[in-house]
Protein backbone atom coordinates (compact mmCIF):
# COMPACT_ATOMS: atom_id res chain seq x y z
CA UNK A 1 0.00 0.00 0.00
CA UNK A 2 1.43 3.31 -1.05
CA UNK A 3 0.72 6.44 0.93
CA UNK A 4 1.63 9.95 -0.07
CA UNK A 5 1.61 12.99 2.11
CA UNK A 6 1.08 16.18 0.22
CA UNK A 7 2.03 19.47 1.80
CA UNK A 8 0.65 22.86 1.00
CA UNK A 9 2.68 25.63 -0.61
CA UNK A 10 2.51 27.52 2.67
CA UNK A 11 3.97 24.54 4.54
CA UNK A 12 6.66 24.12 1.88
CA UNK A 13 7.62 27.80 2.12
CA UNK A 14 7.68 27.63 5.91
CA UNK A 15 10.00 24.60 5.91
CA UNK A 16 12.27 26.19 3.31
CA UNK A 17 12.58 29.37 5.36
CA UNK A 18 13.42 27.40 8.51
CA UNK A 19 16.12 25.41 6.73
CA UNK A 20 17.48 28.59 5.11
CA UNK A 21 17.65 30.35 8.47
CA UNK A 22 19.53 27.42 10.01
CA UNK A 23 21.89 26.81 7.08
CA UNK A 24 24.64 29.30 8.07
CA UNK A 25 24.77 27.85 11.57
CA UNK A 26 24.83 24.29 10.23
CA UNK A 27 27.59 25.10 7.74
CA UNK A 28 29.66 26.70 10.47
CA UNK A 29 29.18 23.75 12.81
CA UNK A 30 30.00 21.24 10.07
CA UNK A 31 33.19 23.06 9.09
CA UNK A 32 34.40 22.99 12.70
CA UNK A 33 33.77 19.25 12.93
CA UNK A 34 35.16 18.46 9.48
CA UNK A 35 38.53 19.94 10.44
CA UNK A 36 38.87 17.31 13.17
CA UNK A 37 38.64 14.31 10.84
CA UNK A 38 41.89 12.74 9.69
CA UNK A 39 41.39 10.54 6.65
CA UNK A 40 44.16 8.05 6.03
CA UNK A 41 44.94 4.52 4.96
CA UNK A 42 46.30 1.50 6.83
CA UNK A 43 49.30 -0.49 5.60
CA UNK A 44 47.25 -3.70 5.72
CA UNK A 45 46.41 -3.89 1.97
CA UNK A 46 50.18 -4.16 1.36
CA UNK A 47 50.76 -6.77 4.08
CA UNK A 48 52.62 -9.01 1.62
CA UNK A 49 55.15 -6.23 0.96
CA UNK A 50 57.75 -4.37 2.97
CA UNK A 51 56.14 -1.43 4.80
CA UNK A 52 57.98 1.20 2.72
CA UNK A 53 56.06 -0.02 -0.35
CA UNK A 54 52.81 0.64 1.52
CA UNK A 55 53.98 4.11 2.55
CA UNK A 56 54.95 4.94 -1.06
CA UNK A 57 51.55 3.86 -2.38
CA UNK A 58 49.59 5.58 0.40
CA UNK A 59 51.45 8.85 -0.22
CA UNK A 60 51.01 8.46 -4.00
CA UNK A 61 47.25 8.10 -3.44
CA UNK A 62 47.27 11.52 -1.78
CA UNK A 63 46.70 10.56 1.84
CA UNK A 64 48.27 12.64 4.60
CA UNK A 65 47.75 10.08 7.39
CA UNK A 66 48.79 6.46 7.68
CA UNK A 67 47.77 3.71 10.06
CA UNK A 68 50.68 1.39 10.76
CA UNK A 69 49.47 -2.16 10.85
CA UNK A 70 50.72 -5.23 8.99
CA UNK A 71 53.72 -5.71 6.73
CA UNK A 72 56.08 -8.38 5.47
CA UNK A 73 58.28 -8.96 8.53
CA UNK A 74 59.00 -11.58 11.19
CA UNK A 75 56.08 -10.38 13.34
CA UNK A 76 53.91 -9.39 10.34
CA UNK A 77 53.59 -5.96 12.00
CA UNK A 78 55.23 -2.63 11.19
CA UNK A 79 55.81 -1.99 14.92
CA UNK A 80 55.20 -4.37 17.80
CA UNK A 81 56.31 -4.88 21.41
CA UNK A 82 59.44 -6.59 20.04
CA UNK A 83 60.45 -3.70 17.75
CA UNK A 84 63.63 -1.91 18.82
CA UNK A 85 63.09 1.79 19.61
CA UNK A 86 65.61 2.76 16.90
CA UNK A 87 63.60 0.85 14.30
CA UNK A 88 60.37 2.51 15.48
CA UNK A 89 62.08 5.90 15.08
CA UNK A 90 63.14 4.93 11.54
CA UNK A 91 59.54 4.00 10.70
CA UNK A 92 58.48 7.49 11.79
CA UNK A 93 61.23 9.01 9.64
CA UNK A 94 60.10 6.96 6.63
CA UNK A 95 56.59 8.34 7.13
CA UNK A 96 57.93 11.90 7.34
CA UNK A 97 59.97 11.46 4.13
CA UNK A 98 56.67 10.87 2.36
CA UNK A 99 54.81 13.69 4.15
CA UNK A 100 52.71 11.13 6.01
CA UNK A 101 51.71 11.44 9.65
CA UNK A 102 51.21 8.14 11.47
CA UNK A 103 47.73 8.55 12.96
CA UNK A 104 47.39 5.13 14.59
CA UNK A 105 49.15 1.84 15.12
CA UNK A 106 48.13 -1.77 15.57
CA UNK A 107 50.93 -3.35 17.59
CA UNK A 108 49.58 -6.85 18.05
CA UNK A 109 49.20 -8.74 21.29
CA UNK A 110 50.49 -7.60 24.64
CA UNK A 111 52.15 -10.55 26.49
CA UNK A 112 49.79 -10.41 29.46
CA UNK A 113 49.14 -14.16 29.14
CA UNK A 114 52.72 -14.74 30.36
CA UNK A 115 52.22 -12.59 33.43
CA UNK A 116 50.88 -9.25 34.54
CA UNK A 117 54.43 -7.91 34.75
CA UNK A 118 55.22 -9.09 31.20
CA UNK A 119 52.02 -7.43 30.00
CA UNK A 120 52.92 -4.14 31.67
CA UNK A 121 56.44 -4.25 30.24
CA UNK A 122 55.11 -5.09 26.78
CA UNK A 123 52.57 -2.27 26.88
CA UNK A 124 55.27 0.15 28.06
CA UNK A 125 57.56 -0.89 25.18
CA UNK A 126 54.72 -0.47 22.70
CA UNK A 127 53.91 3.01 24.02
CA UNK A 128 57.62 3.95 23.87
CA UNK A 129 57.75 2.69 20.27
CA UNK A 130 54.68 4.77 19.39
CA UNK A 131 56.37 7.85 20.81
CA UNK A 132 59.58 7.07 18.90
CA UNK A 133 57.62 6.75 15.64
CA UNK A 134 55.44 9.79 16.28
CA UNK A 135 52.22 7.79 16.55
CA UNK A 136 49.51 9.39 18.69
CA UNK A 137 47.17 6.37 18.98
C-alpha atoms as a PDB file:
ATOM      1  CA  UNK A   1       0.000   0.000   0.000  1.00  0.00           C
ATOM      2  CA  UNK A   2       1.435   3.314  -1.051  1.00  0.00           C
ATOM      3  CA  UNK A   3       0.716   6.436   0.926  1.00  0.00           C
ATOM      4  CA  UNK A   4       1.630   9.954  -0.065  1.00  0.00           C
ATOM      5  CA  UNK A   5       1.611  12.992   2.111  1.00  0.00           C
ATOM      6  CA  UNK A   6       1.077  16.178   0.221  1.00  0.00           C
ATOM      7  CA  UNK A   7       2.031  19.471   1.803  1.00  0.00           C
ATOM      8  CA  UNK A   8       0.654  22.857   1.000  1.00  0.00           C
ATOM      9  CA  UNK A   9       2.677  25.635  -0.615  1.00  0.00           C
ATOM     10  CA  UNK A  10       2.515  27.520   2.667  1.00  0.00           C
ATOM     11  CA  UNK A  11       3.969  24.540   4.542  1.00  0.00           C
ATOM     12  CA  UNK A  12       6.665  24.123   1.880  1.00  0.00           C
ATOM     13  CA  UNK A  13       7.625  27.796   2.120  1.00  0.00           C
ATOM     14  CA  UNK A  14       7.682  27.629   5.913  1.00  0.00           C
ATOM     15  CA  UNK A  15      10.001  24.600   5.912  1.00  0.00           C
ATOM     16  CA  UNK A  16      12.273  26.191   3.310  1.00  0.00           C
ATOM     17  CA  UNK A  17      12.578  29.373   5.364  1.00  0.00           C
ATOM     18  CA  UNK A  18      13.419  27.402   8.506  1.00  0.00           C
ATOM     19  CA  UNK A  19      16.123  25.414   6.725  1.00  0.00           C
ATOM     20  CA  UNK A  20      17.477  28.593   5.115  1.00  0.00           C
ATOM     21  CA  UNK A  21      17.645  30.348   8.471  1.00  0.00           C
ATOM     22  CA  UNK A  22      19.530  27.422  10.009  1.00  0.00           C
ATOM     23  CA  UNK A  23      21.894  26.812   7.076  1.00  0.00           C
ATOM     24  CA  UNK A  24      24.636  29.303   8.068  1.00  0.00           C
ATOM     25  CA  UNK A  25      24.772  27.853  11.571  1.00  0.00           C
ATOM     26  CA  UNK A  26      24.832  24.288  10.228  1.00  0.00           C
ATOM     27  CA  UNK A  27      27.590  25.098   7.738  1.00  0.00           C
ATOM     28  CA  UNK A  28      29.665  26.703  10.468  1.00  0.00           C
ATOM     29  CA  UNK A  29      29.185  23.752  12.814  1.00  0.00           C
ATOM     30  CA  UNK A  30      30.003  21.235  10.066  1.00  0.00           C
ATOM     31  CA  UNK A  31      33.189  23.063   9.091  1.00  0.00           C
ATOM     32  CA  UNK A  32      34.400  22.987  12.700  1.00  0.00           C
ATOM     33  CA  UNK A  33      33.767  19.253  12.931  1.00  0.00           C
ATOM     34  CA  UNK A  34      35.164  18.458   9.479  1.00  0.00           C
ATOM     35  CA  UNK A  35      38.528  19.940  10.440  1.00  0.00           C
ATOM     36  CA  UNK A  36      38.870  17.312  13.170  1.00  0.00           C
ATOM     37  CA  UNK A  37      38.636  14.310  10.843  1.00  0.00           C
ATOM     38  CA  UNK A  38      41.888  12.744   9.686  1.00  0.00           C
ATOM     39  CA  UNK A  39      41.391  10.538   6.652  1.00  0.00           C
ATOM     40  CA  UNK A  40      44.161   8.050   6.034  1.00  0.00           C
ATOM     41  CA  UNK A  41      44.936   4.520   4.964  1.00  0.00           C
ATOM     42  CA  UNK A  42      46.302   1.504   6.831  1.00  0.00           C
ATOM     43  CA  UNK A  43      49.296  -0.486   5.595  1.00  0.00           C
ATOM     44  CA  UNK A  44      47.250  -3.701   5.721  1.00  0.00           C
ATOM     45  CA  UNK A  45      46.411  -3.888   1.968  1.00  0.00           C
ATOM     46  CA  UNK A  46      50.179  -4.158   1.358  1.00  0.00           C
ATOM     47  CA  UNK A  47      50.762  -6.774   4.082  1.00  0.00           C
ATOM     48  CA  UNK A  48      52.624  -9.011   1.621  1.00  0.00           C
ATOM     49  CA  UNK A  49      55.154  -6.233   0.959  1.00  0.00           C
ATOM     50  CA  UNK A  50      57.752  -4.375   2.974  1.00  0.00           C
ATOM     51  CA  UNK A  51      56.138  -1.428   4.802  1.00  0.00           C
ATOM     52  CA  UNK A  52      57.981   1.199   2.717  1.00  0.00           C
ATOM     53  CA  UNK A  53      56.065  -0.025  -0.349  1.00  0.00           C
ATOM     54  CA  UNK A  54      52.815   0.638   1.517  1.00  0.00           C
ATOM     55  CA  UNK A  55      53.983   4.109   2.547  1.00  0.00           C
ATOM     56  CA  UNK A  56      54.945   4.938  -1.056  1.00  0.00           C
ATOM     57  CA  UNK A  57      51.547   3.863  -2.375  1.00  0.00           C
ATOM     58  CA  UNK A  58      49.587   5.576   0.399  1.00  0.00           C
ATOM     59  CA  UNK A  59      51.451   8.846  -0.224  1.00  0.00           C
ATOM     60  CA  UNK A  60      51.006   8.455  -3.996  1.00  0.00           C
ATOM     61  CA  UNK A  61      47.246   8.096  -3.442  1.00  0.00           C
ATOM     62  CA  UNK A  62      47.265  11.525  -1.776  1.00  0.00           C
ATOM     63  CA  UNK A  63      46.700  10.561   1.836  1.00  0.00           C
ATOM     64  CA  UNK A  64      48.271  12.644   4.601  1.00  0.00           C
ATOM     65  CA  UNK A  65      47.748  10.084   7.386  1.00  0.00           C
ATOM     66  CA  UNK A  66      48.787   6.464   7.683  1.00  0.00           C
ATOM     67  CA  UNK A  67      47.768   3.706  10.056  1.00  0.00           C
ATOM     68  CA  UNK A  68      50.682   1.386  10.760  1.00  0.00           C
ATOM     69  CA  UNK A  69      49.472  -2.160  10.854  1.00  0.00           C
ATOM     70  CA  UNK A  70      50.720  -5.232   8.986  1.00  0.00           C
ATOM     71  CA  UNK A  71      53.715  -5.714   6.728  1.00  0.00           C
ATOM     72  CA  UNK A  72      56.078  -8.381   5.469  1.00  0.00           C
ATOM     73  CA  UNK A  73      58.278  -8.959   8.535  1.00  0.00           C
ATOM     74  CA  UNK A  74      59.004 -11.575  11.188  1.00  0.00           C
ATOM     75  CA  UNK A  75      56.085 -10.380  13.337  1.00  0.00           C
ATOM     76  CA  UNK A  76      53.914  -9.391  10.337  1.00  0.00           C
ATOM     77  CA  UNK A  77      53.591  -5.956  11.996  1.00  0.00           C
ATOM     78  CA  UNK A  78      55.227  -2.632  11.188  1.00  0.00           C
ATOM     79  CA  UNK A  79      55.809  -1.992  14.922  1.00  0.00           C
ATOM     80  CA  UNK A  80      55.203  -4.374  17.804  1.00  0.00           C
ATOM     81  CA  UNK A  81      56.315  -4.879  21.413  1.00  0.00           C
ATOM     82  CA  UNK A  82      59.437  -6.590  20.035  1.00  0.00           C
ATOM     83  CA  UNK A  83      60.452  -3.698  17.752  1.00  0.00           C
ATOM     84  CA  UNK A  84      63.634  -1.905  18.817  1.00  0.00           C
ATOM     85  CA  UNK A  85      63.087   1.794  19.608  1.00  0.00           C
ATOM     86  CA  UNK A  86      65.609   2.756  16.900  1.00  0.00           C
ATOM     87  CA  UNK A  87      63.596   0.853  14.301  1.00  0.00           C
ATOM     88  CA  UNK A  88      60.369   2.513  15.481  1.00  0.00           C
ATOM     89  CA  UNK A  89      62.077   5.901  15.082  1.00  0.00           C
ATOM     90  CA  UNK A  90      63.145   4.927  11.538  1.00  0.00           C
ATOM     91  CA  UNK A  91      59.541   3.999  10.704  1.00  0.00           C
ATOM     92  CA  UNK A  92      58.483   7.487  11.794  1.00  0.00           C
ATOM     93  CA  UNK A  93      61.233   9.014   9.638  1.00  0.00           C
ATOM     94  CA  UNK A  94      60.102   6.961   6.635  1.00  0.00           C
ATOM     95  CA  UNK A  95      56.595   8.341   7.125  1.00  0.00           C
ATOM     96  CA  UNK A  96      57.930  11.896   7.338  1.00  0.00           C
ATOM     97  CA  UNK A  97      59.971  11.459   4.131  1.00  0.00           C
ATOM     98  CA  UNK A  98      56.674  10.868   2.356  1.00  0.00           C
ATOM     99  CA  UNK A  99      54.811  13.694   4.149  1.00  0.00           C
ATOM    100  CA  UNK A 100      52.713  11.129   6.009  1.00  0.00           C
ATOM    101  CA  UNK A 101      51.709  11.439   9.649  1.00  0.00           C
ATOM    102  CA  UNK A 102      51.207   8.139  11.474  1.00  0.00           C
ATOM    103  CA  UNK A 103      47.730   8.549  12.961  1.00  0.00           C
ATOM    104  CA  UNK A 104      47.390   5.133  14.589  1.00  0.00           C
ATOM    105  CA  UNK A 105      49.150   1.845  15.122  1.00  0.00           C
ATOM    106  CA  UNK A 106      48.130  -1.765  15.568  1.00  0.00           C
ATOM    107  CA  UNK A 107      50.929  -3.349  17.589  1.00  0.00           C
ATOM    108  CA  UNK A 108      49.575  -6.853  18.052  1.00  0.00           C
ATOM    109  CA  UNK A 109      49.203  -8.740  21.293  1.00  0.00           C
ATOM    110  CA  UNK A 110      50.491  -7.596  24.644  1.00  0.00           C
ATOM    111  CA  UNK A 111      52.150 -10.547  26.490  1.00  0.00           C
ATOM    112  CA  UNK A 112      49.789 -10.411  29.458  1.00  0.00           C
ATOM    113  CA  UNK A 113      49.140 -14.157  29.140  1.00  0.00           C
ATOM    114  CA  UNK A 114      52.720 -14.744  30.359  1.00  0.00           C
ATOM    115  CA  UNK A 115      52.216 -12.593  33.434  1.00  0.00           C
ATOM    116  CA  UNK A 116      50.880  -9.251  34.544  1.00  0.00           C
ATOM    117  CA  UNK A 117      54.433  -7.911  34.754  1.00  0.00           C
ATOM    118  CA  UNK A 118      55.222  -9.087  31.202  1.00  0.00           C
ATOM    119  CA  UNK A 119      52.021  -7.428  29.997  1.00  0.00           C
ATOM    120  CA  UNK A 120      52.919  -4.141  31.671  1.00  0.00           C
ATOM    121  CA  UNK A 121      56.444  -4.248  30.244  1.00  0.00           C
ATOM    122  CA  UNK A 122      55.109  -5.087  26.780  1.00  0.00           C
ATOM    123  CA  UNK A 123      52.570  -2.266  26.878  1.00  0.00           C
ATOM    124  CA  UNK A 124      55.265   0.154  28.063  1.00  0.00           C
ATOM    125  CA  UNK A 125      57.557  -0.894  25.178  1.00  0.00           C
ATOM    126  CA  UNK A 126      54.723  -0.474  22.699  1.00  0.00           C
ATOM    127  CA  UNK A 127      53.907   3.012  24.024  1.00  0.00           C
ATOM    128  CA  UNK A 128      57.618   3.953  23.866  1.00  0.00           C
ATOM    129  CA  UNK A 129      57.747   2.686  20.265  1.00  0.00           C
ATOM    130  CA  UNK A 130      54.680   4.766  19.387  1.00  0.00           C
ATOM    131  CA  UNK A 131      56.369   7.853  20.813  1.00  0.00           C
ATOM    132  CA  UNK A 132      59.576   7.072  18.904  1.00  0.00           C
ATOM    133  CA  UNK A 133      57.621   6.747  15.643  1.00  0.00           C
ATOM    134  CA  UNK A 134      55.439   9.788  16.283  1.00  0.00           C
ATOM    135  CA  UNK A 135      52.216   7.789  16.546  1.00  0.00           C
ATOM    136  CA  UNK A 136      49.510   9.387  18.688  1.00  0.00           C
ATOM    137  CA  UNK A 137      47.169   6.370  18.976  1.00  0.00           C
END
